[in-house]
Amino acid sequence: LTYDCFEKGEGPGVVLLPELPGITPEVLGLAEHL
């Protein structure tokens, strides 16, 4: 399988899996918090 992945930050790693319908602005808000 191949999917595009979005990465940002430094430090310990966290894989954040999106909710339906995908990587929404709200999911990105959580990601930016992390």
PDB file of all heavy atoms in Angstrom:
ATOM      1  N   LEU A   1       0.841  -1.198   0.000  1.00  0.00           N
ATOM      2  CA  LEU A   1       0.000   0.000   0.000  1.00  0.00           C
ATOM      3  C   LEU A   1       0.872   1.243   0.000  1.00  0.00           C
ATOM      4  O   LEU A   1       1.978   1.240   0.548  1.00  0.00           O
ATOM      5  CB  LEU A   1      -0.907   0.026   1.232  1.00  0.00           C
ATOM      6  CG  LEU A   1      -1.877  -1.144   1.406  1.00  0.00           C
ATOM      7  CD1 LEU A   1      -2.604  -1.027   2.741  1.00  0.00           C
ATOM      8  CD2 LEU A   1      -2.867  -1.192   0.256  1.00  0.00           C
ATOM      9  N   THR A   2       0.384   2.318  -0.589  1.00  0.00           N
ATOM     10  CA  THR A   2       1.074   3.605  -0.575  1.00  0.00           C
ATOM     11  C   THR A   2       0.065   4.698  -0.264  1.00  0.00           C
ATOM     12  O   THR A   2      -0.992   4.783  -0.900  1.00  0.00           O
ATOM     13  CB  THR A   2       1.740   3.905  -1.928  1.00  0.00           C
ATOM     14  OG1 THR A   2       2.713   2.894  -2.210  1.00  0.00           O
ATOM     15  CG2 THR A   2       2.433   5.271  -1.891  1.00  0.00           C
ATOM     16  N   TYR A   3       0.383   5.520   0.738  1.00  0.00           N
ATOM     17  CA  TYR A   3      -0.432   6.686   1.079  1.00  0.00           C
ATOM     18  C   TYR A   3       0.490   7.878   1.284  1.00  0.00           C
ATOM     19  O   TYR A   3       1.639   7.720   1.735  1.00  0.00           O
ATOM     20  CB  TYR A   3      -1.226   6.455   2.369  1.00  0.00           C
ATOM     21  CG  TYR A   3      -2.272   5.374   2.281  1.00  0.00           C
ATOM     22  CD1 TYR A   3      -2.029   4.109   2.815  1.00  0.00           C
ATOM     23  CD2 TYR A   3      -3.497   5.615   1.676  1.00  0.00           C
ATOM     24  CE1 TYR A   3      -2.983   3.114   2.737  1.00  0.00           C
ATOM     25  CE2 TYR A   3      -4.457   4.619   1.609  1.00  0.00           C
ATOM     26  CZ  TYR A   3      -4.200   3.371   2.145  1.00  0.00           C
ATOM     27  OH  TYR A   3      -5.148   2.381   2.069  1.00  0.00           O
ATOM     28  N   ASP A   4      -0.011   9.067   0.974  1.00  0.00           N
ATOM     29  CA  ASP A   4       0.728  10.276   1.323  1.00  0.00           C
ATOM     30  C   ASP A   4       0.663  10.476   2.830  1.00  0.00           C
ATOM     31  O   ASP A   4      -0.390  10.284   3.451  1.00  0.00           O
ATOM     32  CB  ASP A   4       0.129  11.496   0.627  1.00  0.00           C
ATOM     33  CG  ASP A   4       0.547  11.600  -0.834  1.00  0.00           C
ATOM     34  OD1 ASP A   4       1.466  10.864  -1.243  1.00  0.00           O
ATOM     35  OD2 ASP A   4      -0.035  12.424  -1.558  1.00  0.00           O
ATOM     36  N   CYS A   5       1.806  10.862   3.404  1.00  0.00           N
ATOM     37  CA  CYS A   5       1.869  11.133   4.838  1.00  0.00           C
ATOM     38  C   CYS A   5       2.329  12.566   5.051  1.00  0.00           C
ATOM     39  O   CYS A   5       3.179  13.077   4.311  1.00  0.00           O
ATOM     40  CB  CYS A   5       2.829  10.170   5.530  1.00  0.00           C
ATOM     41  SG  CYS A   5       2.239   8.455   5.558  1.00  0.00           S
ATOM     42  N   PHE A   6       1.779  13.202   6.070  1.00  0.00           N
ATOM     43  CA  PHE A   6       2.118  14.579   6.412  1.00  0.00           C
ATOM     44  C   PHE A   6       2.860  14.562   7.743  1.00  0.00           C
ATOM     45  O   PHE A   6       2.403  13.955   8.702  1.00  0.00           O
ATOM     46  CB  PHE A   6       0.840  15.423   6.514  1.00  0.00           C
ATOM     47  CG  PHE A   6       0.123  15.569   5.201  1.00  0.00           C
ATOM     48  CD1 PHE A   6      -0.727  14.568   4.740  1.00  0.00           C
ATOM     49  CD2 PHE A   6       0.316  16.689   4.406  1.00  0.00           C
ATOM     50  CE1 PHE A   6      -1.384  14.691   3.525  1.00  0.00           C
ATOM     51  CE2 PHE A   6      -0.329  16.822   3.184  1.00  0.00           C
ATOM     52  CZ  PHE A   6      -1.180  15.820   2.746  1.00  0.00           C
ATOM     53  N   GLU A   7       4.012  15.254   7.780  1.00  0.00           N
ATOM     54  CA  GLU A   7       4.857  15.197   8.971  1.00  0.00           C
ATOM     55  C   GLU A   7       5.286  16.595   9.396  1.00  0.00           C
ATOM     56  O   GLU A   7       5.553  17.468   8.571  1.00  0.00           O
ATOM     57  CB  GLU A   7       6.099  14.342   8.701  1.00  0.00           C
ATOM     58  CG  GLU A   7       7.019  14.205   9.910  1.00  0.00           C
ATOM     59  CD  GLU A   7       8.108  13.174   9.716  1.00  0.00           C
ATOM     60  OE1 GLU A   7       7.930  12.247   8.888  1.00  0.00           O
ATOM     61  OE2 GLU A   7       9.148  13.292  10.387  1.00  0.00           O
ATOM     62  N   LYS A   8       5.377  16.764  10.716  1.00  0.00           N
ATOM     63  CA  LYS A   8       5.806  18.045  11.271  1.00  0.00           C
ATOM     64  C   LYS A   8       6.247  17.823  12.716  1.00  0.00           C
ATOM     65  O   LYS A   8       5.728  16.943  13.400  1.00  0.00           O
ATOM     66  CB  LYS A   8       4.645  19.050  11.225  1.00  0.00           C
ATOM     67  CG  LYS A   8       5.013  20.493  11.531  1.00  0.00           C
ATOM     68  CD  LYS A   8       3.785  21.389  11.336  1.00  0.00           C
ATOM     69  CE  LYS A   8       4.115  22.845  11.489  1.00  0.00           C
ATOM     70  NZ  LYS A   8       2.909  23.710  11.281  1.00  0.00           N
ATOM     71  N   GLY A   9       7.207  18.626  13.174  1.00  0.00           N
ATOM     72  CA  GLY A   9       7.599  18.608  14.578  1.00  0.00           C
ATOM     73  C   GLY A   9       8.909  17.917  14.846  1.00  0.00           C
ATOM     74  O   GLY A   9       9.539  17.337  13.956  1.00  0.00           O
ATOM     75  N   GLU A  10       9.307  17.993  16.112  1.00  0.00           N
ATOM     76  CA  GLU A  10      10.520  17.343  16.591  1.00  0.00           C
ATOM     77  C   GLU A  10      10.222  16.728  17.947  1.00  0.00           C
ATOM     78  O   GLU A  10       9.471  17.282  18.738  1.00  0.00           O
ATOM     79  CB  GLU A  10      11.664  18.359  16.724  1.00  0.00           C
ATOM     80  CG  GLU A  10      12.099  18.972  15.405  1.00  0.00           C
ATOM     81  CD  GLU A  10      13.236  19.966  15.593  1.00  0.00           C
ATOM     82  OE1 GLU A  10      13.652  20.165  16.749  1.00  0.00           O
ATOM     83  OE2 GLU A  10      13.697  20.533  14.599  1.00  0.00           O
ATOM     84  N   GLY A  11      10.829  15.583  18.214  1.00  0.00           N
ATOM     85  CA  GLY A  11      10.622  14.923  19.491  1.00  0.00           C
ATOM     86  C   GLY A  11      10.081  13.523  19.289  1.00  0.00           C
ATOM     87  O   GLY A  11      10.095  12.981  18.170  1.00  0.00           O
ATOM     88  N   PRO A  12       9.569  12.894  20.351  1.00  0.00           N
ATOM     89  CA  PRO A  12       8.998  11.548  20.236  1.00  0.00           C
ATOM     90  C   PRO A  12       7.901  11.505  19.181  1.00  0.00           C
ATOM     91  O   PRO A  12       7.209  12.490  18.936  1.00  0.00           O
ATOM     92  CB  PRO A  12       8.433  11.283  21.638  1.00  0.00           C
ATOM     93  CG  PRO A  12       9.224  12.177  22.535  1.00  0.00           C
ATOM     94  CD  PRO A  12       9.527  13.406  21.731  1.00  0.00           C
ATOM     95  N   GLY A  13       7.730  10.350  18.566  1.00  0.00           N
ATOM     96  CA  GLY A  13       6.815  10.232  17.436  1.00  0.00           C
ATOM     97  C   GLY A  13       5.390   9.880  17.817  1.00  0.00           C
ATOM     98  O   GLY A  13       5.152   9.100  18.747  1.00  0.00           O
ATOM     99  N   VAL A  14       4.457  10.449  17.080  1.00  0.00           N
ATOM    100  CA  VAL A  14       3.034  10.119  17.208  1.00  0.00           C
ATOM    101  C   VAL A  14       2.457   9.948  15.808  1.00  0.00           C
ATOM    102  O   VAL A  14       2.591  10.837  14.962  1.00  0.00           O
ATOM    103  CB  VAL A  14       2.244  11.222  17.954  1.00  0.00           C
ATOM    104  CG1 VAL A  14       0.745  10.902  17.933  1.00  0.00           C
ATOM    105  CG2 VAL A  14       2.734  11.373  19.382  1.00  0.00           C
ATOM    106  N   VAL A  15       1.825   8.811  15.562  1.00  0.00           N
ATOM    107  CA  VAL A  15       1.075   8.599  14.324  1.00  0.00           C
ATOM    108  C   VAL A  15      -0.374   8.972  14.625  1.00  0.00           C
ATOM    109  O   VAL A  15      -1.011   8.358  15.490  1.00  0.00           O
ATOM    110  CB  VAL A  15       1.165   7.142  13.838  1.00  0.00           C
ATOM    111  CG1 VAL A  15       0.323   6.945  12.583  1.00  0.00           C
ATOM    112  CG2 VAL A  15       2.616   6.753  13.574  1.00  0.00           C
ATOM    113  N   LEU A  16      -0.882   9.986  13.947  1.00  0.00           N
ATOM    114  CA  LEU A  16      -2.251  10.459  14.156  1.00  0.00           C
ATOM    115  C   LEU A  16      -3.109  10.016  12.975  1.00  0.00           C
ATOM    116  O   LEU A  16      -2.871  10.433  11.843  1.00  0.00           O
ATOM    117  CB  LEU A  16      -2.279  11.982  14.306  1.00  0.00           C
ATOM    118  CG  LEU A  16      -3.652  12.627  14.481  1.00  0.00           C
ATOM    119  CD1 LEU A  16      -4.351  12.099  15.734  1.00  0.00           C
ATOM    120  CD2 LEU A  16      -3.511  14.146  14.538  1.00  0.00           C
ATOM    121  N   LEU A  17      -4.097   9.173  13.246  1.00  0.00           N
ATOM    122  CA  LEU A  17      -4.961   8.637  12.201  1.00  0.00           C
ATOM    123  C   LEU A  17      -6.224   9.485  12.106  1.00  0.00           C
ATOM    124  O   LEU A  17      -6.881   9.739  13.108  1.00  0.00           O
ATOM    125  CB  LEU A  17      -5.334   7.183  12.521  1.00  0.00           C
ATOM    126  CG  LEU A  17      -4.157   6.256  12.823  1.00  0.00           C
ATOM    127  CD1 LEU A  17      -4.657   4.859  13.166  1.00  0.00           C
ATOM    128  CD2 LEU A  17      -3.193   6.219  11.650  1.00  0.00           C
ATOM    129  N   PRO A  18      -6.576   9.919  10.904  1.00  0.00           N
ATOM    130  CA  PRO A  18      -7.704  10.836  10.770  1.00  0.00           C
ATOM    131  C   PRO A  18      -9.045  10.155  10.959  1.00  0.00           C
ATOM    132  O   PRO A  18      -9.182   8.944  10.809  1.00  0.00           O
ATOM    133  CB  PRO A  18      -7.566  11.350   9.328  1.00  0.00           C
ATOM    134  CG  PRO A  18      -6.899  10.219   8.611  1.00  0.00           C
ATOM    135  CD  PRO A  18      -5.945   9.616   9.610  1.00  0.00           C
ATOM    136  N   GLU A  19     -10.036  10.949  11.277  1.00  0.00           N
ATOM    137  CA  GLU A  19     -11.429  10.523  11.314  1.00  0.00           C
ATOM    138  C   GLU A  19     -12.032  10.748   9.926  1.00  0.00           C
ATOM    139  O   GLU A  19     -11.469  11.467   9.099  1.00  0.00           O
ATOM    140  CB  GLU A  19     -12.157  11.341  12.393  1.00  0.00           C
ATOM    141  CG  GLU A  19     -13.662  11.354  12.363  1.00  0.00           C
ATOM    142  CD  GLU A  19     -14.322   9.986  12.474  1.00  0.00           C
ATOM    143  OE1 GLU A  19     -13.873   9.042  11.817  1.00  0.00           O
ATOM    144  OE2 GLU A  19     -15.326   9.891  13.182  1.00  0.00           O
ATOM    145  N   LEU A  20     -13.165  10.134   9.668  1.00  0.00           N
ATOM    146  CA  LEU A  20     -13.897  10.441   8.439  1.00  0.00           C
ATOM    147  C   LEU A  20     -14.310  11.908   8.442  1.00  0.00           C
ATOM    148  O   LEU A  20     -14.718  12.421   9.490  1.00  0.00           O
ATOM    149  CB  LEU A  20     -15.151   9.565   8.343  1.00  0.00           C
ATOM    150  CG  LEU A  20     -14.946   8.062   8.127  1.00  0.00           C
ATOM    151  CD1 LEU A  20     -16.285   7.354   8.186  1.00  0.00           C
ATOM    152  CD2 LEU A  20     -14.258   7.777   6.809  1.00  0.00           C
ATOM    153  N   PRO A  21     -14.175  12.638   7.351  1.00  0.00           N
ATOM    154  CA  PRO A  21     -13.858  12.155   6.001  1.00  0.00           C
ATOM    155  C   PRO A  21     -12.381  12.258   5.631  1.00  0.00           C
ATOM    156  O   PRO A  21     -12.044  12.165   4.458  1.00  0.00           O
ATOM    157  CB  PRO A  21     -14.691  13.089   5.135  1.00  0.00           C
ATOM    158  CG  PRO A  21     -14.660  14.391   5.859  1.00  0.00           C
ATOM    159  CD  PRO A  21     -14.685  14.018   7.311  1.00  0.00           C
ATOM    160  N   GLY A  22     -11.468  12.475   6.608  1.00  0.00           N
ATOM    161  CA  GLY A  22     -10.055  12.567   6.289  1.00  0.00           C
ATOM    162  C   GLY A  22      -9.337  13.556   7.192  1.00  0.00           C
ATOM    163  O   GLY A  22      -9.770  13.832   8.305  1.00  0.00           O
ATOM    164  N   ILE A  23      -8.221  14.088   6.696  1.00  0.00           N
ATOM    165  CA  ILE A  23      -7.426  15.057   7.462  1.00  0.00           C
ATOM    166  C   ILE A  23      -8.116  16.420   7.336  1.00  0.00           C
ATOM    167  O   ILE A  23      -7.813  17.215   6.448  1.00  0.00           O
ATOM    168  CB  ILE A  23      -5.970  15.094   6.963  1.00  0.00           C
ATOM    169  CG1 ILE A  23      -5.321  13.711   7.106  1.00  0.00           C
ATOM    170  CG2 ILE A  23      -5.166  16.135   7.744  1.00  0.00           C
ATOM    171  CD1 ILE A  23      -3.917  13.627   6.547  1.00  0.00           C
ATOM    172  N   THR A  24      -9.065  16.659   8.212  1.00  0.00           N
ATOM    173  CA  THR A  24      -9.856  17.890   8.208  1.00  0.00           C
ATOM    174  C   THR A  24      -9.136  18.993   8.976  1.00  0.00           C
ATOM    175  O   THR A  24      -8.144  18.728   9.671  1.00  0.00           O
ATOM    176  CB  THR A  24     -11.219  17.642   8.854  1.00  0.00           C
ATOM    177  OG1 THR A  24     -11.002  17.275  10.238  1.00  0.00           O
ATOM    178  CG2 THR A  24     -11.977  16.529   8.141  1.00  0.00           C
ATOM    179  N   PRO A  25      -9.612  20.237   8.895  1.00  0.00           N
ATOM    180  CA  PRO A  25      -9.014  21.303   9.712  1.00  0.00           C
ATOM    181  C   PRO A  25      -9.029  20.992  11.205  1.00  0.00           C
ATOM    182  O   PRO A  25      -8.107  21.391  11.932  1.00  0.00           O
ATOM    183  CB  PRO A  25      -9.898  22.513   9.379  1.00  0.00           C
ATOM    184  CG  PRO A  25     -10.346  22.258   7.965  1.00  0.00           C
ATOM    185  CD  PRO A  25     -10.583  20.770   7.908  1.00  0.00           C
ATOM    186  N   GLU A  26     -10.039  20.251  11.683  1.00  0.00           N
ATOM    187  CA  GLU A  26     -10.086  19.889  13.107  1.00  0.00           C
ATOM    188  C   GLU A  26      -9.016  18.861  13.459  1.00  0.00           C
ATOM    189  O   GLU A  26      -8.386  18.940  14.523  1.00  0.00           O
ATOM    190  CB  GLU A  26     -11.482  19.357  13.463  1.00  0.00           C
ATOM    191  CG  GLU A  26     -12.577  20.394  13.446  1.00  0.00           C
ATOM    192  CD  GLU A  26     -13.071  20.757  12.046  1.00  0.00           C
ATOM    193  OE1 GLU A  26     -12.743  20.024  11.075  1.00  0.00           O
ATOM    194  OE2 GLU A  26     -13.775  21.767  11.922  1.00  0.00           O
ATOM    195  N   VAL A  27      -8.810  17.877  12.592  1.00  0.00           N
ATOM    196  CA  VAL A  27      -7.729  16.912  12.812  1.00  0.00           C
ATOM    197  C   VAL A  27      -6.387  17.634  12.797  1.00  0.00           C
ATOM    198  O   VAL A  27      -5.498  17.365  13.623  1.00  0.00           O
ATOM    199  CB  VAL A  27      -7.767  15.796  11.744  1.00  0.00           C
ATOM    200  CG1 VAL A  27      -6.532  14.905  11.847  1.00  0.00           C
ATOM    201  CG2 VAL A  27      -9.034  14.958  11.897  1.00  0.00           C
ATOM    202  N   LEU A  28      -6.236  18.584  11.890  1.00  0.00           N
ATOM    203  CA  LEU A  28      -5.001  19.372  11.832  1.00  0.00           C
ATOM    204  C   LEU A  28      -4.829  20.219  13.089  1.00  0.00           C
ATOM    205  O   LEU A  28      -3.700  20.444  13.549  1.00  0.00           O
ATOM    206  CB  LEU A  28      -5.007  20.261  10.590  1.00  0.00           C
ATOM    207  CG  LEU A  28      -4.742  19.518   9.275  1.00  0.00           C
ATOM    208  CD1 LEU A  28      -5.186  20.357   8.091  1.00  0.00           C
ATOM    209  CD2 LEU A  28      -3.266  19.157   9.161  1.00  0.00           C
ATOM    210  N   GLY A  29      -5.926  20.694  13.673  1.00  0.00           N
ATOM    211  CA  GLY A  29      -5.833  21.430  14.921  1.00  0.00           C
ATOM    212  C   GLY A  29      -5.256  20.576  16.038  1.00  0.00           C
ATOM    213  O   GLY A  29      -4.404  21.026  16.816  1.00  0.00           O
ATOM    214  N   LEU A  30      -5.704  19.322  16.148  1.00  0.00           N
ATOM    215  CA  LEU A  30      -5.148  18.388  17.128  1.00  0.00           C
ATOM    216  C   LEU A  30      -3.683  18.106  16.825  1.00  0.00           C
ATOM    217  O   LEU A  30      -2.832  18.075  17.726  1.00  0.00           O
ATOM    218  CB  LEU A  30      -5.950  17.089  17.138  1.00  0.00           C
ATOM    219  CG  LEU A  30      -5.387  15.946  17.989  1.00  0.00           C
ATOM    220  CD1 LEU A  30      -5.235  16.359  19.450  1.00  0.00           C
ATOM    221  CD2 LEU A  30      -6.266  14.705  17.862  1.00  0.00           C
ATOM    222  N   ALA A  31      -3.382  17.913  15.542  1.00  0.00           N
ATOM    223  CA  ALA A  31      -1.997  17.632  15.151  1.00  0.00           C
ATOM    224  C   ALA A  31      -1.073  18.786  15.527  1.00  0.00           C
ATOM    225  O   ALA A  31       0.035  18.568  16.051  1.00  0.00           O
ATOM    226  CB  ALA A  31      -1.931  17.371  13.645  1.00  0.00           C
ATOM    227  N   GLU A  32      -1.505  20.014  15.285  1.00  0.00           N
ATOM    228  CA  GLU A  32      -0.689  21.182  15.641  1.00  0.00           C
ATOM    229  C   GLU A  32      -0.501  21.282  17.155  1.00  0.00           C
ATOM    230  O   GLU A  32       0.562  21.685  17.634  1.00  0.00           O
ATOM    231  CB  GLU A  32      -1.333  22.457  15.105  1.00  0.00           C
ATOM    232  CG  GLU A  32      -1.245  22.622  13.596  1.00  0.00           C
ATOM    233  CD  GLU A  32       0.155  22.984  13.097  1.00  0.00           C
ATOM    234  OE1 GLU A  32       1.091  23.122  13.919  1.00  0.00           O
ATOM    235  OE2 GLU A  32       0.309  23.138  11.867  1.00  0.00           O
ATOM    236  N   HIS A  33      -1.523  20.906  17.911  1.00  0.00           N
ATOM    237  CA  HIS A  33      -1.389  20.893  19.374  1.00  0.00           C
ATOM    238  C   HIS A  33      -0.290  19.918  19.804  1.00  0.00           C
ATOM    239  O   HIS A  33       0.551  20.242  20.657  1.00  0.00           O
ATOM    240  CB  HIS A  33      -2.715  20.518  20.025  1.00  0.00           C
ATOM    241  CG  HIS A  33      -2.621  20.295  21.498  1.00  0.00           C
ATOM    242  ND1 HIS A  33      -2.486  21.345  22.393  1.00  0.00           N
ATOM    243  CD2 HIS A  33      -2.603  19.158  22.229  1.00  0.00           C
ATOM    244  CE1 HIS A  33      -2.400  20.849  23.626  1.00  0.00           C
ATOM    245  NE2 HIS A  33      -2.469  19.531  23.550  1.00  0.00           N
ATOM    246  N   LEU A  34      -0.285  18.723  19.206  1.00  0.00           N
ATOM    247  CA  LEU A  34       0.735  17.726  19.548  1.00  0.00           C
ATOM    248  C   LEU A  34       2.125  18.205  19.149  1.00  0.00           C
ATOM    249  O   LEU A  34       3.096  18.012  19.896  1.00  0.00           O
ATOM    250  CB  LEU A  34       0.412  16.398  18.863  1.00  0.00           C
ATOM    251  CG  LEU A  34      -0.847  15.683  19.361  1.00  0.00           C
ATOM    252  CD1 LEU A  34      -1.211  14.527  18.435  1.00  0.00           C
ATOM    253  CD2 LEU A  34      -0.639  15.182  20.784  1.00  0.00           C
TER     254      LEU A  34
END
